[in-house]
Amino acid sequence: MSLSATFGTNLRNHRKAKHLTQDKLAEMVGLSSEMISKIERGIAAPSFSTIERLTEVLEVPEVAFFGVGLVVTSNNARTRQLAKIQTQLSRMNEEQLARASKMLSALID
C-alpha cells in the first residue's frame, strides 16, 4: 500500500471514530470536502500544515496517519491525554527525549 493510501485510510478511520463527516472535518481544518475525499482516497497528499491541523482537530499524533495497522481507540480522557503526550514526545529531539524519559522514570519509580 502506498504512503498516500495508508495516510488516507488512517485519516478516514480517525475521522469516523470522531463521528465527523467529510464536510464537517473539511470545515474544521479549512479545506474543501472534495479535498478531504481526495486525501482519504489517496489521490491527493496534504501539506504539512494541513497534517498539523488534522492532528489538532482529530486529537491524534501525526504518526497515527502514517502507520499501518494503528488502532483507533475509544474517545476518552485517558486516550486523549496519551495521544497528546505521544505527539509532544514525537516532536522532541534526542536530548529532550532523553531528559523526558529520565523525568518520567523519576515520577514513576
N, C-alpha and C. Protein backbone atom coordinates (compact mmCIF):
# COMPACT_ATOMS: atom_id res chain seq x y z
N MET A 1 0.85 -1.17 0.00
CA MET A 1 0.00 0.00 0.00
C MET A 1 0.90 1.24 0.00
N SER A 2 0.56 2.22 -0.79
CA SER A 2 1.36 3.45 -0.88
C SER A 2 1.16 4.30 0.38
N LEU A 3 2.10 5.21 0.60
CA LEU A 3 2.02 6.09 1.76
C LEU A 3 0.76 6.95 1.71
N SER A 4 0.41 7.45 0.52
CA SER A 4 -0.78 8.29 0.42
C SER A 4 -2.06 7.48 0.70
N ALA A 5 -2.07 6.21 0.28
CA ALA A 5 -3.23 5.36 0.55
C ALA A 5 -3.32 5.03 2.04
N THR A 6 -2.17 4.76 2.66
CA THR A 6 -2.14 4.49 4.10
C THR A 6 -2.62 5.71 4.88
N PHE A 7 -2.09 6.88 4.51
CA PHE A 7 -2.50 8.12 5.17
C PHE A 7 -4.01 8.31 5.03
N GLY A 8 -4.51 8.15 3.83
CA GLY A 8 -5.95 8.36 3.59
C GLY A 8 -6.83 7.41 4.36
N THR A 9 -6.43 6.15 4.41
CA THR A 9 -7.20 5.16 5.16
C THR A 9 -7.22 5.49 6.64
N ASN A 10 -6.05 5.85 7.18
CA ASN A 10 -5.98 6.21 8.60
C ASN A 10 -6.76 7.49 8.89
N LEU A 11 -6.70 8.45 8.00
CA LEU A 11 -7.48 9.68 8.17
C LEU A 11 -8.97 9.34 8.24
N ARG A 12 -9.43 8.53 7.32
CA ARG A 12 -10.85 8.14 7.29
C ARG A 12 -11.24 7.45 8.60
N ASN A 13 -10.39 6.51 9.07
CA ASN A 13 -10.69 5.79 10.31
C ASN A 13 -10.78 6.73 11.51
N HIS A 14 -9.84 7.66 11.61
CA HIS A 14 -9.85 8.60 12.73
C HIS A 14 -11.01 9.58 12.63
N ARG A 15 -11.35 10.01 11.41
CA ARG A 15 -12.49 10.91 11.22
C ARG A 15 -13.77 10.22 11.66
N LYS A 16 -13.95 8.98 11.23
CA LYS A 16 -15.17 8.24 11.59
C LYS A 16 -15.22 7.94 13.09
N ALA A 17 -14.06 7.71 13.71
CA ALA A 17 -14.03 7.46 15.15
C ALA A 17 -14.51 8.67 15.93
N LYS A 18 -14.32 9.86 15.35
CA LYS A 18 -14.79 11.10 15.98
C LYS A 18 -16.21 11.46 15.54
N HIS A 19 -16.82 10.59 14.73
CA HIS A 19 -18.18 10.80 14.23
C HIS A 19 -18.30 12.09 13.43
N LEU A 20 -17.29 12.37 12.61
CA LEU A 20 -17.29 13.56 11.77
C LEU A 20 -17.55 13.18 10.32
N THR A 21 -18.32 13.99 9.63
CA THR A 21 -18.48 13.82 8.19
C THR A 21 -17.29 14.47 7.49
N GLN A 22 -17.11 14.15 6.23
CA GLN A 22 -16.06 14.81 5.46
C GLN A 22 -16.30 16.32 5.41
N ASP A 23 -17.55 16.71 5.28
CA ASP A 23 -17.89 18.14 5.24
C ASP A 23 -17.50 18.84 6.54
N LYS A 24 -17.82 18.23 7.68
CA LYS A 24 -17.52 18.85 8.97
C LYS A 24 -16.01 18.92 9.20
N LEU A 25 -15.29 17.85 8.89
CA LEU A 25 -13.83 17.86 9.04
C LEU A 25 -13.22 18.92 8.14
N ALA A 26 -13.69 19.01 6.92
CA ALA A 26 -13.17 20.00 5.97
C ALA A 26 -13.36 21.41 6.53
N GLU A 27 -14.53 21.67 7.08
CA GLU A 27 -14.80 22.98 7.67
C GLU A 27 -13.86 23.27 8.84
N MET A 28 -13.62 22.27 9.66
CA MET A 28 -12.78 22.45 10.86
C MET A 28 -11.31 22.69 10.54
N VAL A 29 -10.83 22.12 9.41
CA VAL A 29 -9.41 22.29 9.06
C VAL A 29 -9.19 23.30 7.94
N GLY A 30 -10.27 23.84 7.39
CA GLY A 30 -10.14 24.86 6.36
C GLY A 30 -9.85 24.33 4.98
N LEU A 31 -10.41 23.17 4.66
CA LEU A 31 -10.27 22.59 3.32
C LEU A 31 -11.66 22.37 2.74
N SER A 32 -11.69 22.02 1.48
CA SER A 32 -12.97 21.64 0.87
C SER A 32 -13.24 20.17 1.17
N SER A 33 -14.50 19.80 1.16
CA SER A 33 -14.83 18.39 1.38
C SER A 33 -14.30 17.53 0.24
N GLU A 34 -14.18 18.12 -0.95
CA GLU A 34 -13.61 17.39 -2.08
C GLU A 34 -12.14 17.03 -1.81
N MET A 35 -11.41 17.97 -1.17
CA MET A 35 -10.01 17.70 -0.86
C MET A 35 -9.89 16.61 0.19
N ILE A 36 -10.74 16.65 1.21
CA ILE A 36 -10.73 15.59 2.23
C ILE A 36 -11.00 14.24 1.56
N SER A 37 -11.96 14.22 0.66
CA SER A 37 -12.28 12.98 -0.07
C SER A 37 -11.07 12.48 -0.85
N LYS A 38 -10.39 13.39 -1.55
CA LYS A 38 -9.22 13.01 -2.34
C LYS A 38 -8.10 12.48 -1.45
N ILE A 39 -7.89 13.13 -0.30
CA ILE A 39 -6.85 12.67 0.62
C ILE A 39 -7.21 11.28 1.14
N GLU A 40 -8.45 11.08 1.53
CA GLU A 40 -8.87 9.78 2.06
C GLU A 40 -8.76 8.67 1.01
N ARG A 41 -8.94 9.01 -0.25
CA ARG A 41 -8.81 8.01 -1.31
C ARG A 41 -7.37 7.85 -1.80
N GLY A 42 -6.45 8.64 -1.26
CA GLY A 42 -5.05 8.53 -1.66
C GLY A 42 -4.73 9.20 -2.97
N ILE A 43 -5.63 10.04 -3.45
CA ILE A 43 -5.43 10.73 -4.73
C ILE A 43 -4.62 12.00 -4.55
N ALA A 44 -4.78 12.66 -3.39
CA ALA A 44 -4.06 13.89 -3.09
C ALA A 44 -3.32 13.73 -1.78
N ALA A 45 -2.24 14.48 -1.65
CA ALA A 45 -1.45 14.46 -0.41
C ALA A 45 -1.60 15.80 0.31
N PRO A 46 -1.78 15.76 1.62
CA PRO A 46 -1.92 17.01 2.37
C PRO A 46 -0.58 17.68 2.60
N SER A 47 -0.61 18.99 2.81
CA SER A 47 0.61 19.72 3.16
C SER A 47 0.92 19.46 4.63
N PHE A 48 2.12 19.84 5.05
CA PHE A 48 2.49 19.68 6.46
C PHE A 48 1.55 20.48 7.36
N SER A 49 1.20 21.68 6.95
CA SER A 49 0.31 22.49 7.79
C SER A 49 -1.07 21.84 7.88
N THR A 50 -1.52 21.20 6.83
CA THR A 50 -2.81 20.50 6.87
C THR A 50 -2.73 19.31 7.81
N ILE A 51 -1.63 18.59 7.77
CA ILE A 51 -1.45 17.45 8.68
C ILE A 51 -1.49 17.94 10.13
N GLU A 52 -0.84 19.06 10.41
CA GLU A 52 -0.86 19.61 11.76
C GLU A 52 -2.28 19.97 12.19
N ARG A 53 -3.06 20.57 11.30
CA ARG A 53 -4.45 20.92 11.63
C ARG A 53 -5.29 19.65 11.86
N LEU A 54 -5.05 18.63 11.03
CA LEU A 54 -5.78 17.37 11.19
C LEU A 54 -5.48 16.73 12.55
N THR A 55 -4.22 16.76 12.97
CA THR A 55 -3.85 16.16 14.26
C THR A 55 -4.52 16.90 15.41
N GLU A 56 -4.61 18.23 15.29
CA GLU A 56 -5.25 19.02 16.34
C GLU A 56 -6.75 18.73 16.40
N VAL A 57 -7.40 18.72 15.26
CA VAL A 57 -8.84 18.52 15.22
C VAL A 57 -9.21 17.10 15.64
N LEU A 58 -8.46 16.11 15.15
CA LEU A 58 -8.78 14.71 15.45
C LEU A 58 -8.14 14.22 16.74
N GLU A 59 -7.27 15.06 17.33
CA GLU A 59 -6.62 14.74 18.59
C GLU A 59 -5.84 13.42 18.53
N VAL A 60 -5.04 13.28 17.48
CA VAL A 60 -4.16 12.13 17.33
C VAL A 60 -2.77 12.62 16.95
N PRO A 61 -1.73 11.85 17.28
CA PRO A 61 -0.39 12.26 16.88
C PRO A 61 -0.21 12.09 15.37
N GLU A 62 0.71 12.84 14.81
CA GLU A 62 0.97 12.78 13.37
C GLU A 62 1.24 11.35 12.88
N VAL A 63 1.98 10.60 13.69
CA VAL A 63 2.35 9.24 13.28
C VAL A 63 1.14 8.33 13.10
N ALA A 64 0.02 8.69 13.71
CA ALA A 64 -1.18 7.86 13.57
C ALA A 64 -1.68 7.80 12.14
N PHE A 65 -1.32 8.78 11.33
CA PHE A 65 -1.74 8.79 9.92
C PHE A 65 -0.83 7.98 9.02
N PHE A 66 0.40 7.75 9.45
CA PHE A 66 1.39 7.13 8.58
C PHE A 66 1.62 5.66 8.82
N GLY A 67 1.18 5.13 9.96
CA GLY A 67 1.42 3.73 10.28
C GLY A 67 0.35 2.83 9.75
N VAL A 68 0.75 1.60 9.46
CA VAL A 68 -0.19 0.58 9.01
C VAL A 68 -0.66 -0.19 10.23
N GLY A 69 -1.94 -0.38 10.34
CA GLY A 69 -2.48 -1.20 11.41
C GLY A 69 -2.60 -0.51 12.74
N LEU A 70 -2.49 0.81 12.79
CA LEU A 70 -2.68 1.51 14.06
C LEU A 70 -4.16 1.44 14.42
N VAL A 71 -4.41 1.19 15.67
CA VAL A 71 -5.78 1.00 16.13
C VAL A 71 -6.37 2.34 16.57
N VAL A 72 -7.58 2.58 16.17
CA VAL A 72 -8.31 3.75 16.64
C VAL A 72 -8.93 3.35 17.97
N THR A 73 -8.60 4.08 19.02
CA THR A 73 -9.09 3.74 20.34
C THR A 73 -10.30 4.57 20.70
N SER A 74 -10.90 4.22 21.81
CA SER A 74 -12.09 4.94 22.24
C SER A 74 -11.75 6.40 22.56
N ASN A 75 -12.75 7.21 22.52
CA ASN A 75 -12.57 8.64 22.76
C ASN A 75 -12.86 8.93 24.23
N ASN A 76 -11.83 8.74 25.06
CA ASN A 76 -11.99 9.07 26.47
C ASN A 76 -10.82 9.95 26.91
N ALA A 77 -10.90 10.45 28.12
CA ALA A 77 -9.89 11.41 28.60
C ALA A 77 -8.49 10.78 28.61
N ARG A 78 -8.37 9.53 29.03
CA ARG A 78 -7.06 8.86 29.07
C ARG A 78 -6.47 8.76 27.66
N THR A 79 -7.27 8.35 26.71
CA THR A 79 -6.80 8.20 25.33
C THR A 79 -6.35 9.54 24.77
N ARG A 80 -7.12 10.59 25.02
CA ARG A 80 -6.76 11.91 24.53
C ARG A 80 -5.46 12.40 25.17
N GLN A 81 -5.31 12.15 26.48
CA GLN A 81 -4.09 12.58 27.16
C GLN A 81 -2.88 11.81 26.64
N LEU A 82 -3.01 10.51 26.45
CA LEU A 82 -1.91 9.71 25.91
C LEU A 82 -1.53 10.16 24.50
N ALA A 83 -2.52 10.46 23.68
CA ALA A 83 -2.24 10.94 22.32
C ALA A 83 -1.51 12.28 22.36
N LYS A 84 -1.93 13.15 23.26
CA LYS A 84 -1.27 14.46 23.39
C LYS A 84 0.18 14.29 23.83
N ILE A 85 0.42 13.41 24.79
CA ILE A 85 1.78 13.16 25.26
C ILE A 85 2.62 12.56 24.14
N GLN A 86 2.05 11.61 23.40
CA GLN A 86 2.79 10.99 22.30
C GLN A 86 3.16 12.03 21.24
N THR A 87 2.25 12.93 20.95
CA THR A 87 2.54 13.98 19.98
C THR A 87 3.67 14.87 20.47
N GLN A 88 3.61 15.26 21.74
CA GLN A 88 4.67 16.10 22.29
C GLN A 88 6.02 15.38 22.25
N LEU A 89 6.04 14.11 22.62
CA LEU A 89 7.29 13.35 22.60
C LEU A 89 7.83 13.19 21.18
N SER A 90 6.94 13.01 20.22
CA SER A 90 7.38 12.81 18.84
C SER A 90 8.04 14.05 18.24
N ARG A 91 7.77 15.21 18.83
CA ARG A 91 8.34 16.47 18.33
C ARG A 91 9.68 16.81 18.98
N MET A 92 10.10 16.03 19.97
CA MET A 92 11.34 16.32 20.69
C MET A 92 12.56 15.81 19.94
N ASN A 93 13.68 16.51 20.15
CA ASN A 93 14.95 15.99 19.63
C ASN A 93 15.46 14.93 20.60
N GLU A 94 16.57 14.29 20.27
CA GLU A 94 17.08 13.19 21.07
C GLU A 94 17.40 13.60 22.51
N GLU A 95 18.01 14.76 22.67
CA GLU A 95 18.38 15.24 24.00
C GLU A 95 17.14 15.50 24.86
N GLN A 96 16.14 16.15 24.28
CA GLN A 96 14.91 16.43 25.00
C GLN A 96 14.19 15.13 25.38
N LEU A 97 14.20 14.18 24.45
CA LEU A 97 13.54 12.91 24.70
C LEU A 97 14.23 12.15 25.84
N ALA A 98 15.56 12.17 25.88
CA ALA A 98 16.31 11.52 26.95
C ALA A 98 15.97 12.15 28.30
N ARG A 99 15.90 13.48 28.34
CA ARG A 99 15.54 14.18 29.58
C ARG A 99 14.11 13.83 30.02
N ALA A 100 13.20 13.80 29.06
CA ALA A 100 11.81 13.49 29.38
C ALA A 100 11.71 12.06 29.92
N SER A 101 12.46 11.15 29.36
CA SER A 101 12.46 9.78 29.82
C SER A 101 12.96 9.67 31.26
N LYS A 102 14.02 10.41 31.58
CA LYS A 102 14.54 10.41 32.95
C LYS A 102 13.52 10.99 33.92
N MET A 103 12.87 12.07 33.50
CA MET A 103 11.87 12.72 34.36
C MET A 103 10.69 11.77 34.60
N LEU A 104 10.26 11.09 33.57
CA LEU A 104 9.15 10.15 33.71
C LEU A 104 9.53 8.99 34.63
N SER A 105 10.74 8.48 34.47
CA SER A 105 11.21 7.41 35.35
C SER A 105 11.24 7.87 36.81
N ALA A 106 11.69 9.11 37.03
CA ALA A 106 11.74 9.65 38.39
C ALA A 106 10.33 9.76 39.00
N LEU A 107 9.36 10.10 38.20
CA LEU A 107 7.99 10.21 38.69
C LEU A 107 7.39 8.86 39.03
N ILE A 108 7.72 7.85 38.24
CA ILE A 108 7.11 6.53 38.39
C ILE A 108 7.79 5.70 39.47
N ASP A 109 9.11 5.76 39.51
CA ASP A 109 9.89 4.92 40.44
C ASP A 109 9.86 5.39 41.85
